[in-house]
C-alpha atoms as a PDB file:
ATOM      1  CA  MET A   1      -2.851 -12.667  22.435  1.00  0.00           C
ATOM      2  CA  LEU A   2      -5.323 -13.062  19.573  1.00  0.00           C
ATOM      3  CA  ALA A   3      -8.153 -11.693  21.697  1.00  0.00           C
ATOM      4  CA  ASP A   4      -6.052  -8.619  22.524  1.00  0.00           C
ATOM      5  CA  VAL A   5      -5.239  -8.045  18.848  1.00  0.00           C
ATOM      6  CA  LEU A   6      -8.936  -8.281  17.971  1.00  0.00           C
ATOM      7  CA  THR A   7      -9.736  -5.793  20.739  1.00  0.00           C
ATOM      8  CA  VAL A   8      -7.318  -3.273  19.254  1.00  0.00           C
ATOM      9  CA  MET A   9      -8.713  -3.898  15.771  1.00  0.00           C
ATOM     10  CA  TRP A  10     -12.254  -3.268  17.039  1.00  0.00           C
ATOM     11  CA  ARG A  11     -11.097   0.006  18.574  1.00  0.00           C
ATOM     12  CA  GLU A  12      -9.183   1.074  15.461  1.00  0.00           C
ATOM     13  CA  ARG A  13     -12.017   0.506  13.005  1.00  0.00           C
ATOM     14  CA  LYS A  14     -13.836   3.532  14.414  1.00  0.00           C
ATOM     15  CA  GLY A  15     -10.959   5.806  13.443  1.00  0.00           C
ATOM     16  CA  LEU A  16     -10.354   4.283  10.032  1.00  0.00           C
ATOM     17  CA  LEU A  17      -9.604   6.993   7.469  1.00  0.00           C
ATOM     18  CA  ARG A  18      -9.915   9.636  10.170  1.00  0.00           C
ATOM     19  CA  HIS A  19      -8.235  12.627   8.595  1.00  0.00           C
ATOM     20  CA  GLN A  20      -7.405  16.161   9.612  1.00  0.00           C
ATOM     21  CA  GLY A  21      -9.749  17.369   6.897  1.00  0.00           C
ATOM     22  CA  GLY A  22     -12.468  14.847   7.734  1.00  0.00           C
ATOM     23  CA  ARG A  23     -13.360  11.386   6.490  1.00  0.00           C
ATOM     24  CA  ALA A  24     -15.166  12.780   3.421  1.00  0.00           C
ATOM     25  CA  ARG A  25     -11.986  14.516   2.308  1.00  0.00           C
ATOM     26  CA  ALA A  26      -9.997  11.325   2.828  1.00  0.00           C
ATOM     27  CA  MET A  27     -12.443   9.331   0.710  1.00  0.00           C
ATOM     28  CA  LEU A  28     -12.385  12.017  -1.980  1.00  0.00           C
ATOM     29  CA  SER A  29      -8.603  11.799  -2.179  1.00  0.00           C
ATOM     30  CA  LEU A  30      -9.002   8.092  -2.979  1.00  0.00           C
ATOM     31  CA  LEU A  31     -11.726   8.629  -5.564  1.00  0.00           C
ATOM     32  CA  VAL A  32      -9.505  10.020  -8.331  1.00  0.00           C
ATOM     33  CA  PRO A  33      -6.956   7.171  -8.383  1.00  0.00           C
ATOM     34  CA  ALA A  34      -9.751   4.617  -7.950  1.00  0.00           C
ATOM     35  CA  VAL A  35     -11.623   5.972 -10.967  1.00  0.00           C
ATOM     36  CA  GLY A  36      -8.433   6.165 -13.007  1.00  0.00           C
ATOM     37  CA  LEU A  37      -7.242   2.654 -12.201  1.00  0.00           C
ATOM     38  CA  GLY A  38     -10.618   0.962 -11.898  1.00  0.00           C
ATOM     39  CA  ILE A  39     -12.527   2.578 -14.777  1.00  0.00           C
ATOM     40  CA  TYR A  40     -10.395   4.709 -17.096  1.00  0.00           C
ATOM     41  CA  LEU A  41      -7.512   2.246 -17.436  1.00  0.00           C
ATOM     42  CA  PRO A  42      -9.766  -0.735 -18.272  1.00  0.00           C
ATOM     43  CA  LEU A  43     -11.630   1.366 -20.845  1.00  0.00           C
ATOM     44  CA  GLN A  44      -8.388   2.302 -22.560  1.00  0.00           C
ATOM     45  CA  LEU A  45      -6.578  -1.019 -22.407  1.00  0.00           C
ATOM     46  CA  GLY A  46      -9.371  -3.490 -22.980  1.00  0.00           C
ATOM     47  CA  ARG A  47      -8.097  -7.062 -23.254  1.00  0.00           C
ATOM     48  CA  ALA A  48      -4.543  -5.897 -22.579  1.00  0.00           C
ATOM     49  CA  LEU A  49      -5.547  -5.308 -18.964  1.00  0.00           C
ATOM     50  CA  VAL A  50      -6.087  -9.026 -18.327  1.00  0.00           C
ATOM     51  CA  GLU A  51      -3.394 -10.247 -20.711  1.00  0.00           C
ATOM     52  CA  GLY A  52      -0.557  -8.052 -19.401  1.00  0.00           C
ATOM     53  CA  PRO A  53       0.794  -6.708 -16.110  1.00  0.00           C
ATOM     54  CA  TRP A  54      -1.136  -3.407 -16.205  1.00  0.00           C
ATOM     55  CA  ALA A  55      -3.474  -4.357 -13.353  1.00  0.00           C
ATOM     56  CA  LEU A  56      -0.440  -4.492 -11.067  1.00  0.00           C
ATOM     57  CA  LEU A  57      -0.439  -0.688 -11.082  1.00  0.00           C
ATOM     58  CA  GLY A  58      -3.564  -0.648  -8.951  1.00  0.00           C
ATOM     59  CA  SER A  59      -2.202  -3.406  -6.723  1.00  0.00           C
ATOM     60  CA  VAL A  60       0.766  -1.168  -5.928  1.00  0.00           C
ATOM     61  CA  PHE A  61      -0.654   2.349  -5.843  1.00  0.00           C
ATOM     62  CA  ILE A  62      -3.956   1.803  -4.000  1.00  0.00           C
ATOM     63  CA  PRO A  63      -2.500  -0.041  -0.967  1.00  0.00           C
ATOM     64  CA  MET A  64       0.352   2.458  -0.877  1.00  0.00           C
ATOM     65  CA  ARG A  65      -2.071   5.365  -0.858  1.00  0.00           C
ATOM     66  CA  ILE A  66      -4.505   3.978   1.705  1.00  0.00           C
ATOM     67  CA  VAL A  67      -1.911   2.755   4.194  1.00  0.00           C
ATOM     68  CA  GLY A  68      -0.010   6.001   3.710  1.00  0.00           C
ATOM     69  CA  MET A  69      -3.107   7.811   4.968  1.00  0.00           C
ATOM     70  CA  THR A  70      -4.220   5.478   7.763  1.00  0.00           C
ATOM     71  CA  ILE A  71      -1.016   4.371   9.502  1.00  0.00           C
ATOM     72  CA  PRO A  72       0.175   7.898  10.453  1.00  0.00           C
ATOM     73  CA  VAL A  73      -3.287   8.707  11.818  1.00  0.00           C
ATOM     74  CA  SER A  74      -3.320   5.453  13.778  1.00  0.00           C
ATOM     75  CA  PHE A  75      -0.016   6.060  15.530  1.00  0.00           C
ATOM     76  CA  ALA A  76       0.971   9.746  15.435  1.00  0.00           C
ATOM     77  CA  GLY A  77      -2.733  10.575  15.659  1.00  0.00           C
ATOM     78  CA  GLU A  78      -2.864   9.108  19.168  1.00  0.00           C
ATOM     79  CA  ARG A  79      -0.602  11.912  20.346  1.00  0.00           C
ATOM     80  CA  ASP A  80      -2.556  14.561  18.434  1.00  0.00           C
ATOM     81  CA  ARG A  81      -5.820  13.352  19.985  1.00  0.00           C
ATOM     82  CA  HIS A  82      -4.195  12.970  23.438  1.00  0.00           C
ATOM     83  CA  THR A  83      -5.358   9.346  23.624  1.00  0.00           C
ATOM     84  CA  GLN A  84      -1.927   7.711  23.671  1.00  0.00           C
ATOM     85  CA  ALA A  85      -1.637   7.726  27.463  1.00  0.00           C
ATOM     86  CA  THR A  86      -5.033   6.050  27.817  1.00  0.00           C
ATOM     87  CA  LEU A  87      -4.123   3.351  25.313  1.00  0.00           C
ATOM     88  CA  LEU A  88      -0.714   2.672  26.862  1.00  0.00           C
ATOM     89  CA  SER A  89      -2.143   2.483  30.377  1.00  0.00           C
ATOM     90  CA  SER A  90      -4.428  -0.380  29.348  1.00  0.00           C
ATOM     91  CA  ARG A  91      -3.627  -4.045  29.996  1.00  0.00           C
ATOM     92  CA  LEU A  92      -3.079  -4.665  26.282  1.00  0.00           C
ATOM     93  CA  PRO A  93       0.417  -5.990  25.418  1.00  0.00           C
ATOM     94  CA  ASP A  94       2.667  -3.876  23.223  1.00  0.00           C
ATOM     95  CA  GLN A  95       2.634  -6.446  20.417  1.00  0.00           C
ATOM     96  CA  ALA A  96      -1.165  -6.639  20.451  1.00  0.00           C
ATOM     97  CA  ILE A  97      -1.447  -2.859  20.076  1.00  0.00           C
ATOM     98  CA  LEU A  98       1.042  -2.790  17.232  1.00  0.00           C
ATOM     99  CA  LEU A  99      -0.347  -5.796  15.369  1.00  0.00           C
ATOM    100  CA  GLY A 100      -3.951  -4.680  15.814  1.00  0.00           C
ATOM    101  CA  LYS A 101      -3.304  -1.232  14.380  1.00  0.00           C
ATOM    102  CA  VAL A 102      -1.236  -2.604  11.491  1.00  0.00           C
ATOM    103  CA  ALA A 103      -3.795  -5.321  10.718  1.00  0.00           C
ATOM    104  CA  VAL A 104      -6.640  -2.816  10.353  1.00  0.00           C
ATOM    105  CA  ALA A 105      -4.692  -0.559   7.990  1.00  0.00           C
ATOM    106  CA  VAL A 106      -3.314  -3.439   5.930  1.00  0.00           C
ATOM    107  CA  GLY A 107      -6.620  -5.301   5.828  1.00  0.00           C
ATOM    108  CA  TYR A 108      -8.555  -2.258   4.683  1.00  0.00           C
ATOM    109  CA  ALA A 109      -6.006  -1.353   2.008  1.00  0.00           C
ATOM    110  CA  TRP A 110      -5.809  -4.946   0.779  1.00  0.00           C
ATOM    111  CA  GLY A 111      -9.592  -5.228   0.607  1.00  0.00           C
ATOM    112  CA  MET A 112      -9.883  -1.979  -1.339  1.00  0.00           C
ATOM    113  CA  ALA A 113      -7.200  -3.105  -3.790  1.00  0.00           C
ATOM    114  CA  LEU A 114      -8.998  -6.405  -4.416  1.00  0.00           C
ATOM    115  CA  MET A 115     -12.309  -4.586  -4.849  1.00  0.00           C
ATOM    116  CA  LEU A 116     -10.709  -2.256  -7.385  1.00  0.00           C
ATOM    117  CA  LEU A 117      -9.303  -5.276  -9.209  1.00  0.00           C
ATOM    118  CA  LEU A 118     -12.793  -6.749  -9.424  1.00  0.00           C
ATOM    119  CA  VAL A 119     -14.264  -3.448 -10.636  1.00  0.00           C
ATOM    120  CA  SER A 120     -11.648  -3.185 -13.381  1.00  0.00           C
ATOM    121  CA  LEU A 121     -12.391  -6.749 -14.468  1.00  0.00           C
ATOM    122  CA  VAL A 122     -16.118  -6.031 -14.643  1.00  0.00           C
ATOM    123  CA  MET A 123     -15.493  -2.859 -16.643  1.00  0.00           C
ATOM    124  CA  VAL A 124     -13.360  -4.706 -19.186  1.00  0.00           C
ATOM    125  CA  ASN A 125     -16.044  -7.335 -19.713  1.00  0.00           C
ATOM    126  CA  VAL A 126     -18.877  -4.820 -19.949  1.00  0.00           C
ATOM    127  CA  VAL A 127     -17.197  -2.470 -22.421  1.00  0.00           C
ATOM    128  CA  HIS A 128     -15.209  -4.988 -24.450  1.00  0.00           C
ATOM    129  CA  TRP A 129     -17.620  -7.908 -24.379  1.00  0.00           C
ATOM    130  CA  ASP A 130     -17.291 -10.184 -27.400  1.00  0.00           C
ATOM    131  CA  GLY A 131     -19.147 -13.210 -26.124  1.00  0.00           C
ATOM    132  CA  GLN A 132     -16.214 -14.530 -24.116  1.00  0.00           C
ATOM    133  CA  LEU A 133     -15.606 -13.851 -20.439  1.00  0.00           C
ATOM    134  CA  LEU A 134     -12.290 -12.071 -19.895  1.00  0.00           C
ATOM    135  CA  LEU A 135     -10.417 -13.180 -16.791  1.00  0.00           C
ATOM    136  CA  PHE A 136      -6.929 -12.760 -15.414  1.00  0.00           C
ATOM    137  CA  THR A 137      -4.644 -15.725 -15.845  1.00  0.00           C
ATOM    138  CA  PRO A 138      -4.168 -17.646 -12.569  1.00  0.00           C
ATOM    139  CA  ILE A 139      -0.586 -16.374 -12.311  1.00  0.00           C
ATOM    140  CA  MET A 140      -1.562 -12.717 -12.758  1.00  0.00           C
ATOM    141  CA  ALA A 141      -4.519 -13.048 -10.392  1.00  0.00           C
ATOM    142  CA  LEU A 142      -2.245 -14.516  -7.723  1.00  0.00           C
ATOM    143  CA  ALA A 143       0.373 -11.829  -8.422  1.00  0.00           C
ATOM    144  CA  ASN A 144      -2.180  -9.046  -7.889  1.00  0.00           C
ATOM    145  CA  VAL A 145      -3.507 -10.579  -4.676  1.00  0.00           C
ATOM    146  CA  ALA A 146      -0.039 -11.161  -3.225  1.00  0.00           C
ATOM    147  CA  LEU A 147       1.506  -7.900  -4.407  1.00  0.00           C
ATOM    148  CA  SER A 148      -1.270  -5.746  -2.950  1.00  0.00           C
ATOM    149  CA  LEU A 149      -0.883  -7.472   0.433  1.00  0.00           C
ATOM    150  CA  LEU A 150       2.906  -7.196   0.432  1.00  0.00           C
ATOM    151  CA  VAL A 151       2.905  -3.537  -0.604  1.00  0.00           C
ATOM    152  CA  ALA A 152       0.331  -2.701   2.087  1.00  0.00           C
ATOM    153  CA  SER A 153       2.459  -4.488   4.693  1.00  0.00           C
ATOM    154  CA  LEU A 154       5.617  -2.758   3.479  1.00  0.00           C
ATOM    155  CA  VAL A 155       4.132   0.731   3.775  1.00  0.00           C
ATOM    156  CA  ALA A 156       2.594  -0.163   7.142  1.00  0.00           C
ATOM    157  CA  GLY A 157       5.910  -1.294   8.608  1.00  0.00           C
ATOM    158  CA  LEU A 158       7.693   1.789   7.317  1.00  0.00           C
ATOM    159  CA  GLY A 159       4.821   3.992   8.451  1.00  0.00           C
ATOM    160  CA  VAL A 160       4.991   2.703  12.012  1.00  0.00           C
ATOM    161  CA  LEU A 161       8.677   3.547  12.278  1.00  0.00           C
ATOM    162  CA  ILE A 162       8.090   7.032  10.859  1.00  0.00           C
ATOM    163  CA  SER A 163       4.946   7.754  12.885  1.00  0.00           C
ATOM    164  CA  LEU A 164       6.579   6.806  16.180  1.00  0.00           C
ATOM    165  CA  ARG A 165       9.188   9.517  15.593  1.00  0.00           C
ATOM    166  CA  ALA A 166       7.024  12.174  13.938  1.00  0.00           C
ATOM    167  CA  SER A 167       5.617  14.986  16.038  1.00  0.00           C
ATOM    168  CA  THR A 168       2.390  15.362  14.036  1.00  0.00           C
ATOM    169  CA  VAL A 169       0.182  13.318  11.710  1.00  0.00           C
ATOM    170  CA  GLN A 170       0.903  15.664   8.826  1.00  0.00           C
ATOM    171  CA  GLU A 171       4.647  15.284   9.253  1.00  0.00           C
ATOM    172  CA  ALA A 172       4.316  11.496   9.380  1.00  0.00           C
ATOM    173  CA  GLN A 173       2.143  11.383   6.264  1.00  0.00           C
ATOM    174  CA  GLN A 174       4.442  13.634   4.268  1.00  0.00           C
ATOM    175  CA  THR A 175       7.573  11.723   5.287  1.00  0.00           C
ATOM    176  CA  LEU A 176       5.968   8.366   4.549  1.00  0.00           C
ATOM    177  CA  MET A 177       4.682   9.399   1.126  1.00  0.00           C
ATOM    178  CA  THR A 178       8.106  10.793   0.236  1.00  0.00           C
ATOM    179  CA  ALA A 179       9.806   7.583   1.329  1.00  0.00           C
ATOM    180  CA  THR A 180       7.429   5.392  -0.689  1.00  0.00           C
ATOM    181  CA  LEU A 181       7.197   7.502  -3.829  1.00  0.00           C
ATOM    182  CA  LEU A 182      10.909   8.289  -4.147  1.00  0.00           C
ATOM    183  CA  PRO A 183      11.862   4.760  -5.326  1.00  0.00           C
ATOM    184  CA  LEU A 184       9.114   4.896  -7.966  1.00  0.00           C
ATOM    185  CA  VAL A 185      10.388   8.252  -9.207  1.00  0.00           C
ATOM    186  CA  LEU A 186      13.920   6.891  -9.426  1.00  0.00           C
ATOM    187  CA  LEU A 187      12.682   3.882 -11.412  1.00  0.00           C
ATOM    188  CA  GLN A 188      10.992   6.240 -13.859  1.00  0.00           C
ATOM    189  CA  MET A 189      14.336   7.942 -14.413  1.00  0.00           C
ATOM    190  CA  ILE A 190      15.882   4.769 -15.847  1.00  0.00           C
ATOM    191  CA  PRO A 191      14.134   4.949 -19.258  1.00  0.00           C
ATOM    192  CA  VAL A 192      14.687   8.710 -19.356  1.00  0.00           C
ATOM    193  CA  LEU A 193      18.440   8.228 -18.889  1.00  0.00           C
ATOM    194  CA  LEU A 194      18.515   5.449 -21.454  1.00  0.00           C
ATOM    195  CA  LEU A 195      16.775   7.632 -24.023  1.00  0.00           C
ATOM    196  CA  ASN A 196      18.724  10.824 -23.430  1.00  0.00           C
ATOM    197  CA  VAL A 197      22.146   9.927 -22.031  1.00  0.00           C
ATOM    198  CA  VAL A 198      23.164   6.433 -23.111  1.00  0.00           C
ATOM    199  CA  PRO A 199      24.235   6.048 -26.763  1.00  0.00           C
ATOM    200  CA  ASP A 200      21.671   4.008 -28.719  1.00  0.00           C
ATOM    201  CA  GLY A 201      19.487   4.257 -25.621  1.00  0.00           C
ATOM    202  CA  ARG A 202      16.213   3.814 -27.484  1.00  0.00           C
ATOM    203  CA  ALA A 203      17.375   0.529 -28.995  1.00  0.00           C
ATOM    204  CA  ARG A 204      18.665  -0.692 -25.648  1.00  0.00           C
ATOM    205  CA  LEU A 205      15.390   0.210 -23.947  1.00  0.00           C
ATOM    206  CA  ARG A 206      13.462  -1.791 -26.529  1.00  0.00           C
ATOM    207  CA  GLU A 207      15.809  -4.732 -25.940  1.00  0.00           C
ATOM    208  CA  LEU A 208      15.264  -4.549 -22.179  1.00  0.00           C
ATOM    209  CA  VAL A 209      11.482  -4.452 -22.565  1.00  0.00           C
ATOM    210  CA  ALA A 210      11.519  -7.330 -25.043  1.00  0.00           C
ATOM    211  CA  ALA A 211      13.774  -9.439 -22.830  1.00  0.00           C
ATOM    212  CA  ALA A 212      11.808  -8.767 -19.650  1.00  0.00           C
ATOM    213  CA  ASN A 213       9.855 -11.797 -18.494  1.00  0.00           C
ATOM    214  CA  PRO A 214       7.129 -10.871 -15.987  1.00  0.00           C
ATOM    215  CA  MET A 215       6.929 -14.473 -14.792  1.00  0.00           C
ATOM    216  CA  GLN A 216      10.556 -14.204 -13.643  1.00  0.00           C
ATOM    217  CA  ILE A 217      10.500 -10.624 -12.416  1.00  0.00           C
ATOM    218  CA  ILE A 218       7.309 -10.864 -10.335  1.00  0.00           C
ATOM    219  CA  PRO A 219       8.493 -13.759  -8.073  1.00  0.00           C
ATOM    220  CA  LEU A 220      11.784 -11.928  -7.500  1.00  0.00           C
ATOM    221  CA  VAL A 221       9.942  -8.746  -6.518  1.00  0.00           C
ATOM    222  CA  MET A 222       7.669 -10.763  -4.207  1.00  0.00           C
ATOM    223  CA  ALA A 223      10.648 -12.366  -2.494  1.00  0.00           C
ATOM    224  CA  VAL A 224      12.307  -8.989  -1.924  1.00  0.00           C
ATOM    225  CA  LEU A 225       9.064  -7.559  -0.513  1.00  0.00           C
ATOM    226  CA  VAL A 226       8.663 -10.482   1.905  1.00  0.00           C
ATOM    227  CA  VAL A 227      12.165  -9.882   3.283  1.00  0.00           C
ATOM    228  CA  LEU A 228      11.546  -6.129   3.576  1.00  0.00           C
ATOM    229  CA  ASP A 229       8.144  -6.661   5.225  1.00  0.00           C
ATOM    230  CA  LEU A 230       9.582  -8.997   7.864  1.00  0.00           C
ATOM    231  CA  GLY A 231      12.501  -6.667   8.528  1.00  0.00           C
ATOM    232  CA  LEU A 232      10.302  -3.592   8.934  1.00  0.00           C
ATOM    233  CA  LEU A 233       7.845  -5.452  11.166  1.00  0.00           C
ATOM    234  CA  ALA A 234      10.697  -6.630  13.378  1.00  0.00           C
ATOM    235  CA  GLY A 235      12.022  -3.075  13.531  1.00  0.00           C
ATOM    236  CA  ALA A 236       8.591  -1.716  14.413  1.00  0.00           C
ATOM    237  CA  MET A 237       8.193  -4.251  17.226  1.00  0.00           C
ATOM    238  CA  ALA A 238      11.617  -3.321  18.575  1.00  0.00           C
ATOM    239  CA  ARG A 239      10.739   0.380  18.482  1.00  0.00           C
ATOM    240  CA  PHE A 240       7.196   0.079  19.843  1.00  0.00           C
ATOM    241  CA  LYS A 241       7.922  -0.076  23.551  1.00  0.00           C
ATOM    242  CA  ARG A 242       5.451   1.206  26.121  1.00  0.00           C
ATOM    243  CA  ALA A 243       8.001   2.796  28.439  1.00  0.00           C
ATOM    244  CA  ARG A 244       9.701   4.666  25.589  1.00  0.00           C
ATOM    245  CA  LEU A 245       6.385   5.914  24.178  1.00  0.00           C
ATOM    246  CA  ILE A 246       5.207   7.164  27.558  1.00  0.00           C
ATOM    247  CA  GLY A 247       8.492   9.037  27.931  1.00  0.00           C
ATOM    248  CA  ASP A 248       8.148  10.529  24.441  1.00  0.00           C
ATOM    249  CA  GLY A 249       4.564  11.560  25.103  1.00  0.00           C
END
């Protein structure tokens, strides 16, 4: 089984970041958020980047963005490139195909997120050097590593389910990005409603921020993501059936 998964991963690496507009365009679309989160944010925040939860922004957005680009191409792209029949006629088991494709997308996104985290740490030390090396606390470092992996896995599982039903890569990408960004937009509405609708909303918002304990919130978020990741992966395995895909193709 492991050998089959590695075979699929070796095949998939060639098409990594393959995009309708070309690989250069795909890389360019990642450049802006990478510069913002890896360079601009550290320059603005300084020590606050390593002392607070700000680095978690990159650990959420970068994996979400990369997997949102690669997973639809990996699955729906097989139909667009007319290679799905060839892949499904191979001896490779269904689970090996699914896990191999997911592993490449998740691994690449996770690696890029960790690299961005390292770049931001270097930038903080270079620009705000005061003779003391600035490092993330062990808890925040672990939170960034785990969160980036869990977010990448979450988007990958959701992306598989969407891509298997989408007729084109573009449709799959648009649907996946909408599904992943909508919860973030709704979360941003909470402070807006508190400030503009709820009486004494500004005071209540300050109370919520002051009472929030990242060390309690982060483990809860991690636990929820683990459950969602396992559920989506199970759903993807149930949906990814060779006979059904051949019929759909």
